[in-house]
Amino acid sequence: MAKDIQKAKIRINVLFGSSSSPWWGFLLAFGLYLYRKLSLPLVQLWQGAEEISRGNLDHQMQVRGETDIAMLAARFNEMAQKLKASHADLEKRLLERTQQVAAMNSVALALGRPGPSGGPPGIPAHGPEELLGHLKPRGGIFLCDPDGETLRLAAHLGLSPEFAAREERIQHGANASAGWSPRRAR
């Protein structure tokens, strides 16, 4: 009887082993499939995102197929291109602002030089405080746009918001509120 029980145990183990082997094979194949379809693309997506975050906006991720991960990689590529364009635009605007500040500094230096009487430029020697003491400083600096046809109010002091908004841009040849029209230097 013990031999029969031993033989039954062996048959059950063999039967269980032979029936579970295909399942182990299926699980192994399914694991490899998931690894190739999910884990590897996610690792590549992670590495690409790190490269872009380091400032390499020229980096393009490989997009293969129509999976969600491939669409996400395409969005990362699009985002990197938009960031690159935005970065270039910011650099351009910074250069323009730097040029504006340099122009304003030049004007400020010129206005800061004393006139012939030792006082402000253009003020006669006989008591500028008496003549202009009651006036508040007001004025603006207009810079010529790159098109050469428009003057733009770059900075102002003491001007009302309405005046500044109305005179923000002056077309070449248009009458300004100050009564002069800009002429293009030739």
Protein backbone atom coordinates (compact mmCIF):
# COMPACT_ATOMS: atom_id res chain seq x y z
CA MET A 1 0.00 0.00 0.00
CA ALA A 2 2.82 2.41 0.78
CA LYS A 3 4.28 1.67 -2.65
CA ASP A 4 0.94 2.57 -4.29
CA ILE A 5 0.81 5.84 -2.40
CA GLN A 6 4.41 6.59 -3.39
CA LYS A 7 3.60 5.86 -7.06
CA ALA A 8 0.51 8.09 -6.89
CA LYS A 9 2.58 10.92 -5.45
CA ILE A 10 5.13 10.59 -8.22
CA ARG A 11 2.40 10.53 -10.90
CA ILE A 12 0.78 13.63 -9.37
CA ASN A 13 4.14 15.45 -9.29
CA VAL A 14 4.92 14.47 -12.88
CA LEU A 15 1.41 15.45 -13.99
CA PHE A 16 1.62 18.77 -12.11
CA GLY A 17 5.12 19.50 -13.45
CA SER A 18 4.16 18.69 -17.05
CA SER A 19 0.95 20.75 -16.85
CA SER A 20 2.61 23.73 -15.14
CA SER A 21 5.62 23.92 -17.50
CA PRO A 22 3.65 25.60 -20.30
CA TRP A 23 2.35 28.13 -17.76
CA TRP A 24 5.89 28.92 -16.61
CA GLY A 25 6.90 29.30 -20.24
CA PHE A 26 3.92 31.57 -20.91
CA LEU A 27 4.71 33.71 -17.84
CA LEU A 28 8.35 34.01 -18.89
CA ALA A 29 7.38 34.99 -22.46
CA PHE A 30 4.80 37.48 -21.17
CA GLY A 31 7.38 39.02 -18.81
CA LEU A 32 9.85 39.45 -21.69
CA TYR A 33 7.10 40.97 -23.83
CA LEU A 34 6.21 43.51 -21.11
CA TYR A 35 9.88 44.30 -20.60
CA ARG A 36 10.42 45.03 -24.30
CA LYS A 37 7.15 46.92 -24.81
CA LEU A 38 7.00 48.92 -21.57
CA SER A 39 10.19 48.95 -19.55
CA LEU A 40 12.70 49.67 -22.32
CA PRO A 41 10.65 52.51 -23.89
CA LEU A 42 10.04 54.01 -20.45
CA VAL A 43 13.77 53.91 -19.67
CA GLN A 44 14.51 55.58 -23.04
CA LEU A 45 11.80 58.18 -22.34
CA TRP A 46 13.31 58.85 -18.91
CA GLN A 47 16.80 59.25 -20.37
CA GLY A 48 15.49 61.60 -23.07
CA ALA A 49 13.64 63.71 -20.51
CA GLU A 50 16.83 63.97 -18.43
CA GLU A 51 18.77 65.06 -21.52
CA ILE A 52 16.22 67.80 -22.27
CA SER A 53 16.19 68.90 -18.62
CA ARG A 54 19.98 69.35 -18.81
CA GLY A 55 19.38 71.98 -21.49
CA ASN A 56 20.01 69.91 -24.62
CA LEU A 57 16.93 71.15 -26.48
CA ASP A 58 18.18 69.61 -29.74
CA HIS A 59 17.74 66.10 -28.34
CA GLN A 60 15.01 64.14 -30.11
CA MET A 61 13.54 60.95 -28.68
CA GLN A 62 13.00 57.99 -30.93
CA VAL A 63 9.31 57.57 -31.71
CA ARG A 64 8.25 54.10 -32.83
CA GLY A 65 4.71 52.93 -33.32
CA GLU A 66 1.40 54.31 -32.12
CA THR A 67 1.65 53.40 -28.44
CA ASP A 68 0.95 55.79 -25.62
CA ILE A 69 4.67 55.88 -24.82
CA ALA A 70 5.51 56.76 -28.44
CA MET A 71 2.93 59.56 -28.38
CA LEU A 72 4.39 60.81 -25.10
CA ALA A 73 7.88 60.79 -26.65
CA ALA A 74 6.52 62.80 -29.59
CA ARG A 75 5.08 65.34 -27.13
CA PHE A 76 8.46 65.58 -25.40
CA ASN A 77 10.07 66.28 -28.79
CA GLU A 78 7.46 68.96 -29.52
CA MET A 79 7.97 70.48 -26.07
CA ALA A 80 11.75 70.61 -26.59
CA GLN A 81 11.30 72.42 -29.92
CA LYS A 82 8.88 74.94 -28.38
CA LEU A 83 11.28 75.52 -25.48
CA LYS A 84 14.11 76.07 -27.97
CA ALA A 85 12.03 78.63 -29.90
CA SER A 86 11.00 80.34 -26.66
CA HIS A 87 14.61 80.43 -25.50
CA ALA A 88 15.68 82.04 -28.79
CA ASP A 89 12.85 84.58 -28.51
CA LEU A 90 13.89 85.45 -24.95
CA GLU A 91 17.50 85.92 -26.05
CA LYS A 92 16.33 88.23 -28.85
CA ARG A 93 14.18 90.25 -26.46
CA LEU A 94 17.05 90.44 -23.96
CA LEU A 95 19.33 91.80 -26.68
CA GLU A 96 16.69 94.40 -27.62
CA ARG A 97 16.29 95.44 -23.97
CA THR A 98 20.06 95.66 -23.58
CA GLN A 99 20.21 97.95 -26.60
CA GLN A 100 17.39 100.06 -25.17
CA VAL A 101 19.15 100.38 -21.82
CA ALA A 102 22.37 101.35 -23.59
CA ALA A 103 20.48 104.03 -25.55
CA MET A 104 18.82 105.33 -22.38
CA ASN A 105 22.19 105.39 -20.60
CA SER A 106 23.63 107.42 -23.45
CA VAL A 107 20.78 109.91 -23.20
CA ALA A 108 21.10 110.04 -19.41
CA LEU A 109 24.82 110.68 -19.67
CA ALA A 110 24.26 113.45 -22.20
CA LEU A 111 21.55 115.04 -20.06
CA GLY A 112 23.68 114.72 -16.95
CA ARG A 113 26.48 116.88 -18.34
CA PRO A 114 26.34 120.45 -17.13
CA GLY A 115 25.40 123.21 -19.57
CA PRO A 116 27.59 126.20 -20.39
CA SER A 117 26.71 127.92 -17.10
CA GLY A 118 27.48 124.88 -15.00
CA GLY A 119 23.77 124.06 -14.64
CA PRO A 120 21.53 121.74 -16.59
CA PRO A 121 22.01 121.71 -20.36
CA GLY A 122 20.05 124.35 -22.22
CA ILE A 123 19.24 126.38 -19.10
CA PRO A 124 20.52 129.95 -19.03
CA ALA A 125 22.95 131.08 -16.35
CA HIS A 126 20.46 133.30 -14.49
CA GLY A 127 18.76 131.05 -11.97
CA PRO A 128 17.40 127.83 -13.52
CA GLU A 129 15.66 127.03 -10.23
CA GLU A 130 13.71 130.28 -10.49
CA LEU A 131 12.63 129.47 -14.02
CA LEU A 132 11.87 125.77 -13.67
CA GLY A 133 11.66 125.11 -9.93
CA HIS A 134 7.92 124.56 -9.98
CA LEU A 135 8.04 121.96 -12.79
CA LYS A 136 8.18 118.25 -12.11
CA PRO A 137 10.57 116.22 -14.23
CA ARG A 138 8.69 114.69 -17.16
CA GLY A 139 9.76 113.12 -20.38
CA GLY A 140 10.25 110.01 -22.38
CA ILE A 141 12.74 108.25 -24.54
CA PHE A 142 11.62 107.06 -27.95
CA LEU A 143 13.60 104.40 -29.77
CA CYS A 144 13.32 103.62 -33.45
CA ASP A 145 11.95 100.17 -34.24
CA PRO A 146 14.00 97.97 -36.57
CA ASP A 147 11.65 98.77 -39.46
CA GLY A 148 12.81 102.40 -39.27
CA GLU A 149 9.24 103.63 -39.66
CA THR A 150 8.03 103.62 -36.06
CA LEU A 151 9.22 105.25 -32.87
CA ARG A 152 8.39 103.39 -29.68
CA LEU A 153 8.20 104.92 -26.20
CA ALA A 154 10.86 102.89 -24.39
CA ALA A 155 10.84 104.65 -21.02
CA HIS A 156 9.16 107.63 -19.44
CA LEU A 157 9.07 109.58 -16.21
CA GLY A 158 6.19 111.68 -14.94
CA LEU A 159 3.91 111.08 -17.95
CA SER A 160 0.29 110.16 -17.36
CA PRO A 161 -0.68 106.60 -18.25
CA GLU A 162 -3.16 107.92 -20.83
CA PHE A 163 -0.47 110.01 -22.53
CA ALA A 164 2.02 107.13 -22.47
CA ALA A 165 -0.58 104.76 -23.97
CA ARG A 166 -1.56 107.28 -26.67
CA GLU A 167 2.05 108.04 -27.60
CA GLU A 168 3.41 104.51 -27.21
CA ARG A 169 4.05 104.23 -30.96
CA ILE A 170 4.53 107.07 -33.40
CA GLN A 171 4.59 106.41 -37.15
CA HIS A 172 7.24 108.17 -39.19
CA GLY A 173 5.86 111.53 -40.28
CA ALA A 174 2.93 111.50 -37.82
CA ASN A 175 2.55 114.50 -35.54
CA ALA A 176 3.48 113.75 -31.98
CA SER A 177 1.86 115.47 -29.04
CA ALA A 178 5.03 117.48 -28.51
CA GLY A 179 4.48 119.13 -31.89
CA TRP A 180 7.30 117.60 -33.91
CA SER A 181 7.47 114.81 -36.39
CA PRO A 182 10.30 112.31 -36.43
CA ARG A 183 12.63 112.38 -39.40
CA ARG A 184 14.62 109.42 -40.50
CA ALA A 185 18.39 110.00 -40.51
CA ARG A 186 19.96 109.38 -43.90
